[in-house]
């Protein structure tokens, strides 16, 4: 069995590896990256967008994509948006 401690270690590694957030191909400042047990939460700074949000990516320091998501989020150009994403790190033994 993979231990809880090990999944928490992997979650911390994920949190440490996140270096950049891109929305629609443009870098957005990260407000915080927090780990609680085996969960990692990434929160962007509030940002104004010129168009709707279609892609969200998290990258490491070498610009390798850690996470990528297609989106279809309409935003008002007069409203700042703060994005939050939480990852849960789990391990499953092979059957």
C-alpha atoms as a PDB file:
ATOM      1  CA  UNK A   1       0.000   0.000   0.000  1.00  0.00           C
ATOM      2  CA  UNK A   2       1.228   3.482  -0.872  1.00  0.00           C
ATOM      3  CA  UNK A   3       1.310   5.527   2.300  1.00  0.00           C
ATOM      4  CA  UNK A   4      -0.451   8.787   3.025  1.00  0.00           C
ATOM      5  CA  UNK A   5       2.926  10.315   3.843  1.00  0.00           C
ATOM      6  CA  UNK A   6       4.210   9.485   0.370  1.00  0.00           C
ATOM      7  CA  UNK A   7       1.200  11.014  -1.409  1.00  0.00           C
ATOM      8  CA  UNK A   8       1.727  14.140   0.694  1.00  0.00           C
ATOM      9  CA  UNK A   9       5.387  14.172  -0.383  1.00  0.00           C
ATOM     10  CA  UNK A  10       4.295  13.945  -4.024  1.00  0.00           C
ATOM     11  CA  UNK A  11       1.801  16.768  -3.469  1.00  0.00           C
ATOM     12  CA  UNK A  12       4.600  18.948  -2.038  1.00  0.00           C
ATOM     13  CA  UNK A  13       6.791  18.141  -5.055  1.00  0.00           C
ATOM     14  CA  UNK A  14       3.946  19.185  -7.370  1.00  0.00           C
ATOM     15  CA  UNK A  15       3.513  22.442  -5.435  1.00  0.00           C
ATOM     16  CA  UNK A  16       7.263  23.119  -5.584  1.00  0.00           C
ATOM     17  CA  UNK A  17       7.427  22.419  -9.334  1.00  0.00           C
ATOM     18  CA  UNK A  18       4.707  24.905 -10.350  1.00  0.00           C
ATOM     19  CA  UNK A  19       6.451  28.018 -11.650  1.00  0.00           C
ATOM     20  CA  UNK A  20       4.086  29.671 -14.107  1.00  0.00           C
ATOM     21  CA  UNK A  21       0.396  30.035 -14.890  1.00  0.00           C
ATOM     22  CA  UNK A  22      -0.702  30.784 -18.441  1.00  0.00           C
ATOM     23  CA  UNK A  23      -4.195  31.766 -19.472  1.00  0.00           C
ATOM     24  CA  UNK A  24      -4.888  31.957 -23.211  1.00  0.00           C
ATOM     25  CA  UNK A  25      -1.118  31.725 -23.744  1.00  0.00           C
ATOM     26  CA  UNK A  26      -0.277  34.752 -21.558  1.00  0.00           C
ATOM     27  CA  UNK A  27       1.468  34.546 -18.206  1.00  0.00           C
ATOM     28  CA  UNK A  28      -0.712  35.423 -15.217  1.00  0.00           C
ATOM     29  CA  UNK A  29       0.788  36.101 -11.794  1.00  0.00           C
ATOM     30  CA  UNK A  30       0.301  33.399  -9.190  1.00  0.00           C
ATOM     31  CA  UNK A  31      -1.035  34.734  -5.886  1.00  0.00           C
ATOM     32  CA  UNK A  32      -0.476  31.553  -3.901  1.00  0.00           C
ATOM     33  CA  UNK A  33       0.341  27.868  -4.055  1.00  0.00           C
ATOM     34  CA  UNK A  34      -0.677  25.956  -0.953  1.00  0.00           C
ATOM     35  CA  UNK A  35      -0.484  22.303   0.012  1.00  0.00           C
ATOM     36  CA  UNK A  36      -2.752  20.738   2.605  1.00  0.00           C
ATOM     37  CA  UNK A  37      -2.213  17.029   3.095  1.00  0.00           C
ATOM     38  CA  UNK A  38      -2.377  15.570  -0.439  1.00  0.00           C
ATOM     39  CA  UNK A  39      -4.072  18.596  -2.061  1.00  0.00           C
ATOM     40  CA  UNK A  40      -2.387  21.468  -3.885  1.00  0.00           C
ATOM     41  CA  UNK A  41      -4.307  24.695  -4.526  1.00  0.00           C
ATOM     42  CA  UNK A  42      -3.106  27.291  -7.026  1.00  0.00           C
ATOM     43  CA  UNK A  43      -4.686  30.764  -6.944  1.00  0.00           C
ATOM     44  CA  UNK A  44      -4.018  33.459  -9.535  1.00  0.00           C
ATOM     45  CA  UNK A  45      -3.898  37.162  -8.861  1.00  0.00           C
ATOM     46  CA  UNK A  46      -7.038  39.013  -9.932  1.00  0.00           C
ATOM     47  CA  UNK A  47      -6.655  39.823 -13.624  1.00  0.00           C
ATOM     48  CA  UNK A  48      -8.662  41.571 -16.333  1.00  0.00           C
ATOM     49  CA  UNK A  49      -9.038  39.573 -19.561  1.00  0.00           C
ATOM     50  CA  UNK A  50      -9.825  41.009 -23.012  1.00  0.00           C
ATOM     51  CA  UNK A  51     -11.694  37.928 -24.165  1.00  0.00           C
ATOM     52  CA  UNK A  52     -13.162  34.738 -22.822  1.00  0.00           C
ATOM     53  CA  UNK A  53     -10.824  32.196 -21.259  1.00  0.00           C
ATOM     54  CA  UNK A  54     -10.121  29.206 -23.505  1.00  0.00           C
ATOM     55  CA  UNK A  55      -6.959  27.607 -22.080  1.00  0.00           C
ATOM     56  CA  UNK A  56      -5.314  27.331 -18.678  1.00  0.00           C
ATOM     57  CA  UNK A  57      -1.834  25.841 -18.217  1.00  0.00           C
ATOM     58  CA  UNK A  58       0.554  25.337 -15.315  1.00  0.00           C
ATOM     59  CA  UNK A  59       4.246  25.038 -16.176  1.00  0.00           C
ATOM     60  CA  UNK A  60       7.453  24.133 -14.355  1.00  0.00           C
ATOM     61  CA  UNK A  61      10.674  26.183 -14.394  1.00  0.00           C
ATOM     62  CA  UNK A  62      11.741  24.590 -17.699  1.00  0.00           C
ATOM     63  CA  UNK A  63       8.358  25.528 -19.252  1.00  0.00           C
ATOM     64  CA  UNK A  64       7.183  21.915 -19.357  1.00  0.00           C
ATOM     65  CA  UNK A  65       3.411  21.739 -19.097  1.00  0.00           C
ATOM     66  CA  UNK A  66       2.328  20.156 -15.812  1.00  0.00           C
ATOM     67  CA  UNK A  67      -1.388  20.707 -16.370  1.00  0.00           C
ATOM     68  CA  UNK A  68      -3.447  21.883 -19.333  1.00  0.00           C
ATOM     69  CA  UNK A  69      -7.180  22.446 -19.593  1.00  0.00           C
ATOM     70  CA  UNK A  70      -9.426  23.676 -22.360  1.00  0.00           C
ATOM     71  CA  UNK A  71     -12.069  26.062 -21.052  1.00  0.00           C
ATOM     72  CA  UNK A  72     -14.951  28.160 -22.283  1.00  0.00           C
ATOM     73  CA  UNK A  73     -15.357  30.858 -19.663  1.00  0.00           C
ATOM     74  CA  UNK A  74     -16.947  34.153 -20.655  1.00  0.00           C
ATOM     75  CA  UNK A  75     -15.566  37.145 -18.787  1.00  0.00           C
ATOM     76  CA  UNK A  76     -16.655  40.770 -18.609  1.00  0.00           C
ATOM     77  CA  UNK A  77     -13.845  43.139 -19.638  1.00  0.00           C
ATOM     78  CA  UNK A  78     -14.746  45.373 -16.665  1.00  0.00           C
ATOM     79  CA  UNK A  79     -14.412  42.561 -14.131  1.00  0.00           C
ATOM     80  CA  UNK A  80     -11.219  41.078 -12.702  1.00  0.00           C
ATOM     81  CA  UNK A  81     -11.120  37.302 -12.374  1.00  0.00           C
ATOM     82  CA  UNK A  82      -9.220  35.196  -9.864  1.00  0.00           C
ATOM     83  CA  UNK A  83      -8.732  31.583 -10.902  1.00  0.00           C
ATOM     84  CA  UNK A  84      -8.411  28.760  -8.357  1.00  0.00           C
ATOM     85  CA  UNK A  85      -7.580  25.150  -9.100  1.00  0.00           C
ATOM     86  CA  UNK A  86      -7.128  22.346  -6.570  1.00  0.00           C
ATOM     87  CA  UNK A  87      -5.329  19.087  -7.374  1.00  0.00           C
ATOM     88  CA  UNK A  88      -5.705  15.984  -5.251  1.00  0.00           C
ATOM     89  CA  UNK A  89      -2.685  13.663  -5.413  1.00  0.00           C
ATOM     90  CA  UNK A  90      -3.644  10.009  -5.083  1.00  0.00           C
ATOM     91  CA  UNK A  91      -1.951   6.728  -5.833  1.00  0.00           C
ATOM     92  CA  UNK A  92      -3.620   3.542  -6.905  1.00  0.00           C
ATOM     93  CA  UNK A  93      -1.981   0.148  -6.909  1.00  0.00           C
ATOM     94  CA  UNK A  94      -2.051  -1.745 -10.173  1.00  0.00           C
ATOM     95  CA  UNK A  95      -4.505  -4.620 -10.341  1.00  0.00           C
END
